Protein backbone atom coordinates (compact mmCIF):
# COMPACT_ATOMS: atom_id res chain seq x y z
CA MET A 1 0.16 0.17 -0.28
CA PRO A 2 1.35 3.48 -1.01
CA THR A 3 2.66 5.46 1.90
CA ALA A 4 1.11 8.81 2.49
CA ILE A 5 4.09 10.31 1.10
CA GLN A 6 3.77 8.59 -2.01
CA ARG A 7 0.32 9.65 -2.62
CA LEU A 8 1.24 13.05 -1.86
CA LEU A 9 3.53 13.02 -4.64
CA ARG A 10 0.91 11.63 -7.03
CA THR A 11 -0.09 14.87 -7.40
CA SER A 12 1.52 17.97 -8.80
CA PRO A 13 2.69 21.12 -7.94
CA GLN A 14 0.31 23.11 -10.66
CA GLN A 15 -2.77 21.00 -9.36
CA LEU A 16 -2.24 22.06 -5.83
CA ARG A 17 -1.54 25.69 -7.23
CA ALA A 18 -4.56 25.32 -8.93
CA PHE A 19 -6.64 24.30 -6.19
CA GLU A 20 -5.25 26.66 -3.73
CA ALA A 21 -5.94 29.95 -5.99
CA THR A 22 -9.34 28.76 -6.77
CA ALA A 23 -10.27 27.49 -3.31
CA ARG A 24 -9.27 30.75 -2.00
CA LEU A 25 -11.06 33.28 -4.80
CA MET A 26 -14.25 30.80 -5.37
CA SER A 27 -13.57 31.47 -9.07
CA VAL A 28 -11.74 29.38 -11.70
CA THR A 29 -11.69 32.04 -14.21
CA GLN A 30 -9.77 34.57 -11.43
CA ALA A 31 -7.91 31.70 -10.30
CA ALA A 32 -6.65 31.51 -14.06
CA ARG A 33 -5.88 35.14 -13.91
CA THR A 34 -3.94 35.14 -10.85
CA LEU A 35 -1.96 31.91 -12.07
CA HIS A 36 -1.08 33.67 -15.84
CA VAL A 37 -2.76 30.12 -17.40
CA SER A 38 -5.72 29.40 -19.25
CA GLN A 39 -9.01 28.89 -17.42
CA PRO A 40 -9.23 25.30 -19.55
CA THR A 41 -5.57 24.41 -17.90
CA VAL A 42 -6.94 25.59 -14.24
CA SER A 43 -9.89 23.14 -14.83
CA VAL A 44 -8.17 20.16 -16.32
CA GLN A 45 -6.10 20.52 -13.21
CA LEU A 46 -8.81 20.32 -10.76
CA ARG A 47 -10.44 17.68 -12.03
CA GLU A 48 -7.27 15.92 -12.52
CA LEU A 49 -6.78 16.29 -8.25
CA ALA A 50 -9.96 15.33 -8.12
CA ALA A 51 -9.91 12.00 -9.70
CA LEU A 52 -6.72 11.10 -7.37
CA VAL A 53 -8.44 11.97 -4.16
CA GLY A 54 -11.35 10.03 -5.65
CA GLU A 55 -14.47 12.86 -4.90
CA PRO A 56 -15.45 15.72 -6.16
CA LEU A 57 -13.87 19.28 -4.75
CA PHE A 58 -15.99 21.57 -5.68
CA GLU A 59 -19.65 21.91 -6.32
CA PRO A 60 -22.14 24.55 -8.23
CA MET A 61 -23.79 27.18 -6.02
CA GLY A 62 -25.79 29.23 -8.10
CA ARG A 63 -23.76 30.97 -10.72
CA GLY A 64 -20.46 30.43 -8.48
CA ILE A 65 -18.81 27.10 -6.92
CA ARG A 66 -18.46 26.27 -3.42
CA LEU A 67 -16.15 23.72 -1.32
CA THR A 68 -16.92 20.55 -0.59
CA PRO A 69 -16.44 18.92 2.22
CA THR A 70 -13.60 17.01 0.70
CA GLY A 71 -12.46 20.39 -0.81
CA GLU A 72 -12.79 22.10 2.99
CA ALA A 73 -10.17 19.32 4.35
CA LEU A 74 -7.88 19.63 1.67
CA GLN A 75 -8.04 23.38 1.71
CA ALA A 76 -7.04 23.05 5.15
CA THR A 77 -4.40 20.41 4.70
CA VAL A 78 -2.95 22.26 1.86
CA ALA A 79 -2.65 25.49 4.23
CA GLU A 80 -0.55 22.98 6.80
CA ILE A 81 1.90 22.14 3.93
CA ALA A 82 2.23 25.68 3.28
CA THR A 83 2.96 25.99 6.91
CA CYS A 84 5.45 23.04 7.31
CA TRP A 85 7.45 24.25 4.60
CA GLN A 86 7.58 27.54 6.03
CA ARG A 87 9.12 26.28 8.93
CA PHE A 88 11.85 24.13 7.23
CA GLU A 89 12.82 27.51 5.47
CA ASP A 90 13.16 29.56 8.90
CA ARG A 91 14.81 26.18 9.85
CA LEU A 92 17.39 26.40 7.01
CA GLY A 93 17.73 30.64 8.30
CA ASP A 94 18.44 29.35 11.76
CA LEU A 95 21.27 27.22 10.32
CA SER A 96 22.89 29.39 8.06
CA GLY A 97 22.86 32.91 10.53
CA LEU A 98 20.48 34.69 8.21
CA LEU A 99 16.94 35.10 8.71
CA ARG A 100 15.17 33.92 5.65
CA GLY A 101 11.27 32.91 4.50
CA ARG A 102 8.65 34.35 3.96
CA LEU A 103 6.77 37.11 6.13
CA ARG A 104 2.43 37.24 5.26
CA ILE A 105 0.90 40.49 6.37
CA ALA A 106 -2.76 41.24 5.40
CA ALA A 107 -3.43 45.02 6.44
CA VAL A 108 -6.99 47.03 6.45
CA THR A 109 -7.55 49.58 3.85
CA THR A 110 -6.34 52.62 5.90
CA ALA A 111 -2.99 50.87 6.96
CA GLU A 112 -2.12 50.80 3.31
CA TYR A 113 -0.81 54.85 4.56
CA PHE A 114 1.63 53.83 6.80
CA VAL A 115 2.64 49.58 6.69
CA PRO A 116 4.88 50.22 3.87
CA ASP A 117 6.96 52.75 5.83
CA LEU A 118 7.45 49.90 8.55
CA LEU A 119 8.06 47.14 6.23
CA GLY A 120 10.73 48.76 4.09
CA PRO A 121 13.65 49.60 7.13
CA PHE A 122 12.57 45.85 7.94
CA ALA A 123 13.48 44.51 4.56
CA ALA A 124 16.73 46.44 4.26
CA MET A 125 17.52 44.74 7.77
CA HIS A 126 16.57 41.21 6.56
CA PRO A 127 17.49 40.85 3.00
CA GLY A 128 16.68 37.26 3.53
CA VAL A 129 12.84 37.19 3.97
CA GLU A 130 10.29 37.39 1.49
CA ILE A 131 7.57 39.92 2.18
CA ASP A 132 3.52 39.43 0.89
CA LEU A 133 1.61 42.44 1.70
CA ALA A 134 -2.10 42.09 1.50
CA VAL A 135 -4.36 45.17 1.66
CA GLU A 136 -7.98 44.14 2.04
CA ASN A 137 -11.05 45.35 3.73
CA ARG A 138 -11.86 44.26 7.41
CA ASP A 139 -14.24 41.68 6.70
CA ARG A 140 -11.60 40.00 4.08
CA VAL A 141 -8.66 40.80 6.79
CA ILE A 142 -10.79 38.79 9.11
CA ALA A 143 -11.51 35.66 6.73
CA ARG A 144 -7.88 35.33 6.12
CA LEU A 145 -7.30 35.17 9.83
CA HIS A 146 -9.97 32.69 10.12
CA ARG A 147 -7.90 30.42 7.14
CA GLN A 148 -4.80 31.72 8.85
CA THR A 149 -3.54 32.38 5.34
CA ASP A 150 -1.17 35.25 6.81
CA ASP A 151 1.20 34.91 9.68
CA LEU A 152 0.09 38.85 11.05
CA ALA A 153 -2.93 41.23 10.33
CA VAL A 154 -2.82 44.89 10.98
CA MET A 155 -6.10 46.55 12.10
CA MET A 156 -8.04 48.50 14.37
CA LEU A 157 -10.42 46.12 15.70
CA PRO A 158 -9.91 42.44 16.02
CA PRO A 159 -12.65 39.76 15.90
CA GLN A 160 -13.47 38.51 19.36
CA ALA A 161 -14.07 34.75 17.91
CA LEU A 162 -10.71 33.85 17.39
CA PRO A 163 -7.74 32.93 19.82
CA LEU A 164 -5.82 35.90 18.99
CA HIS A 165 -2.41 37.57 20.44
CA SER A 166 -2.62 41.80 19.68
CA GLN A 167 0.13 44.26 19.93
CA PRO A 168 -0.49 48.08 20.04
CA PHE A 169 2.11 49.95 18.29
CA LEU A 170 0.73 52.97 16.83
CA ASP A 171 -1.92 55.60 17.84
CA ASN A 172 -4.91 55.79 15.23
CA PRO A 173 -6.89 58.72 16.01
CA LEU A 174 -10.26 59.51 14.16
CA VAL A 175 -10.96 62.86 13.14
CA VAL A 176 -13.96 64.85 10.95
CA ILE A 177 -13.29 66.58 8.24
CA ALA A 178 -15.23 68.94 6.10
CA PRO A 179 -15.13 70.48 2.52
CA ARG A 180 -12.65 73.62 2.86
CA SER A 181 -16.07 75.83 1.72
CA HIS A 182 -17.92 74.60 4.50
CA PRO A 183 -19.17 77.53 6.84
CA LEU A 184 -17.48 76.01 9.90
CA ALA A 185 -14.24 75.40 8.27
CA GLN A 186 -12.67 78.16 9.67
CA ARG A 187 -14.28 77.73 13.13
CA ALA A 188 -11.49 78.17 16.48
CA LYS A 189 -13.31 76.97 18.85
CA PRO A 190 -14.93 73.17 19.04
CA VAL A 191 -18.17 72.29 17.14
CA PRO A 192 -20.81 71.13 19.29
CA LEU A 193 -21.85 67.54 18.25
CA ASP A 194 -25.22 68.13 17.63
CA GLN A 195 -24.92 71.14 16.10
CA LEU A 196 -24.11 68.81 13.16
CA ALA A 197 -27.38 66.52 13.04
CA GLY A 198 -28.33 68.37 9.96
CA GLU A 199 -25.62 67.84 7.84
CA ARG A 200 -25.09 64.62 5.46
CA TRP A 201 -22.34 62.32 6.69
CA LEU A 202 -20.21 60.17 4.50
CA MET A 203 -19.17 56.90 5.88
CA ARG A 204 -16.92 53.75 4.96
CA GLU A 205 -19.00 50.56 4.15
CA ALA A 206 -20.80 48.45 6.79
CA GLY A 207 -17.92 46.34 9.01
CA SER A 208 -15.00 49.07 8.53
CA GLY A 209 -13.23 49.25 11.48
CA THR A 210 -13.71 52.87 11.03
CA ARG A 211 -17.32 52.88 10.69
CA LEU A 212 -17.80 50.58 13.82
CA VAL A 213 -15.92 53.01 16.30
CA THR A 214 -17.36 55.72 14.80
CA GLU A 215 -21.08 54.36 14.75
CA LYS A 216 -20.23 53.63 18.61
CA HIS A 217 -18.81 56.83 19.41
CA PHE A 218 -21.97 58.75 18.19
CA ALA A 219 -24.46 56.42 19.70
CA ASP A 220 -22.58 56.74 23.41
CA HIS A 221 -23.48 60.83 22.60
CA GLY A 222 -26.79 60.21 21.61
CA PHE A 223 -26.48 61.20 18.18
CA ALA A 224 -28.05 60.33 14.64
CA PRO A 225 -26.18 61.25 11.85
CA ARG A 226 -27.98 61.82 8.48
CA ILE A 227 -25.79 59.53 6.24
CA ALA A 228 -25.67 60.31 2.69
CA MET A 229 -23.87 57.67 1.25
CA SER A 230 -21.48 54.88 2.26
CA LEU A 231 -18.14 54.72 0.38
CA GLY A 232 -15.31 51.69 0.19
CA SER A 233 -12.40 53.57 0.36
CA ASN A 234 -10.68 56.52 2.38
CA GLU A 235 -9.58 58.03 -1.11
CA ALA A 236 -13.41 57.92 -2.02
CA ILE A 237 -14.10 59.43 1.15
CA LYS A 238 -11.69 62.19 0.72
CA HIS A 239 -12.74 63.45 -2.73
CA ALA A 240 -16.31 63.04 -2.11
CA VAL A 241 -15.90 65.42 1.19
CA GLY A 242 -13.53 67.72 -1.31
CA ALA A 243 -16.19 67.79 -3.67
CA GLY A 244 -18.82 68.92 -1.17
CA LEU A 245 -20.71 66.16 -0.58
CA GLY A 246 -20.65 65.94 3.24
CA LEU A 247 -18.63 65.17 6.03
CA ALA A 248 -17.09 62.23 7.44
CA VAL A 249 -15.00 60.81 10.22
CA ILE A 250 -11.33 59.79 8.94
CA SER A 251 -7.99 58.10 10.45
CA ALA A 252 -5.71 61.42 10.85
CA LEU A 253 -3.13 59.42 9.16
CA THR A 254 -5.37 59.29 6.19
CA VAL A 255 -5.44 63.22 5.49
CA GLU A 256 -2.41 65.04 7.95
CA ARG A 257 0.90 65.24 7.51
CA ALA A 258 2.19 63.73 10.03
CA GLN A 259 4.92 61.94 11.31
CA MET A 260 4.54 58.00 12.25
CA GLY A 261 4.77 57.69 16.46
CA GLN A 262 3.60 61.00 16.68
CA SER A 263 0.32 62.28 18.00
CA ALA A 264 -1.78 63.68 15.07
CA ALA A 265 -1.26 67.32 15.19
CA ALA A 266 0.44 68.07 12.11
CA SER A 267 -1.92 70.27 9.58
CA VAL A 268 -3.79 69.32 6.69
CA ASP A 269 -1.94 70.17 3.39
CA PRO A 270 -3.14 73.55 2.83
CA GLY A 271 -4.17 72.39 -1.07
CA ALA A 272 -6.33 69.97 0.17
CA PRO A 273 -10.27 70.64 -0.47
CA TRP A 274 -11.04 69.46 2.86
CA VAL A 275 -10.28 70.85 6.37
CA ARG A 276 -9.89 69.13 9.82
CA LEU A 277 -13.15 70.29 11.52
CA PRO A 278 -13.03 71.15 15.45
CA VAL A 279 -16.05 68.98 16.32
CA GLU A 280 -16.24 68.57 20.62
CA GLY A 281 -15.77 64.89 21.16
CA PHE A 282 -12.81 64.21 18.62
CA PRO A 283 -10.81 62.83 17.94
CA ILE A 284 -11.75 59.18 18.79
CA GLN A 285 -8.56 57.71 20.02
CA ARG A 286 -7.60 54.44 18.94
CA GLN A 287 -4.54 52.16 18.40
CA TRP A 288 -3.40 49.97 15.71
CA LEU A 289 -2.69 46.73 16.60
CA LEU A 290 -0.77 44.08 15.15
CA VAL A 291 -2.44 40.75 15.53
CA TRP A 292 -1.33 37.04 15.23
CA ARG A 293 -3.05 33.56 15.89
CA SER A 294 -2.46 32.77 19.13
CA ASP A 295 -3.12 28.88 18.68
CA ALA A 296 -0.53 28.25 15.79
CA PRO A 297 3.33 29.05 16.04
CA LEU A 298 5.08 32.15 14.64
CA ALA A 299 7.20 31.68 12.26
CA ALA A 300 11.17 33.01 12.54
CA PRO A 301 10.69 36.52 10.59
CA ALA A 302 6.92 36.81 11.33
CA GLN A 303 8.87 36.51 15.29
CA ARG A 304 11.26 38.99 14.57
CA PHE A 305 8.63 41.59 12.85
CA VAL A 306 6.60 41.33 16.15
CA SER A 307 10.07 42.15 17.93
CA TYR A 308 10.53 45.11 15.57
CA LEU A 309 7.50 46.84 15.77
CA ARG A 310 8.07 46.52 19.76
CA GLY A 311 11.24 48.03 19.63
CA ASP A 312 13.44 45.09 20.88
CA ALA A 313 17.30 45.72 20.72
CA ALA A 314 18.83 45.92 16.96
CA ASP A 315 14.94 45.47 15.84
CA LYS A 316 13.86 48.70 16.84
CA PRO A 317 11.65 50.90 14.16
CA MET A 318 12.52 53.74 13.07
CA LEU A 319 9.05 56.08 13.27
């Protein structure tokens, strides 16, 4: 009877890559585009893999597909294989005295404004580490945490349902911005929140960490905003505010010229079509967190990055 390793070797790397991409994207077409091969090629690889397994891996669901129970089990197995190989590469790095391997980070969209500034110096200090950065909305980052797709995640509000460690590393004040032409734009004294009840408010999409924090802040102050529009990115929010479509609550890091690690006391670009509006109860003081699963070991590059953000020894980051 063939051993487990012999049965594994019957599969090809191409088949496993096709399955992993299709299971992650839930689309043969998108998997083919991601892998830079044709859709028929992915379809053939999936059929061959299903034949080797002896069970269907996907089944139709409406106009799309979903994993079968066998497919879900294989997806978890492929993730375990990747994790084991990563540990092997980490061990090679330990043996050679050079930190090697891959650092996989997922970050919510607002974090794209500063995460590259953290990764640049880290990459320079550790040239043997390959870095994969995925920028997604909060719901997708949480889904990636469930699947253990990444070593680390950068977010403001981690999910409560997962076993996680978290480490705060950067202040994230949330501020109100208004069109530069707004009647209150030049006001120096704080504006009472209830004075803004008649304003149009622009919000991030449902599930966004900024929106969740903003809604709780408003509810705690008995304020019911008139939500005129929901938008899926900070850039869209800024453009909409600049166009005079309403007010918004947004991370100061996305609109103010402040150095990382400082409080958001720097001024908005004088050429920007929006201004920071002084509103009572703002800024809302939050923090960015580095998050990782507590029920799985961290690879060596991820451990080093945690130390880097913590400011340990020689890995102290220049913020």
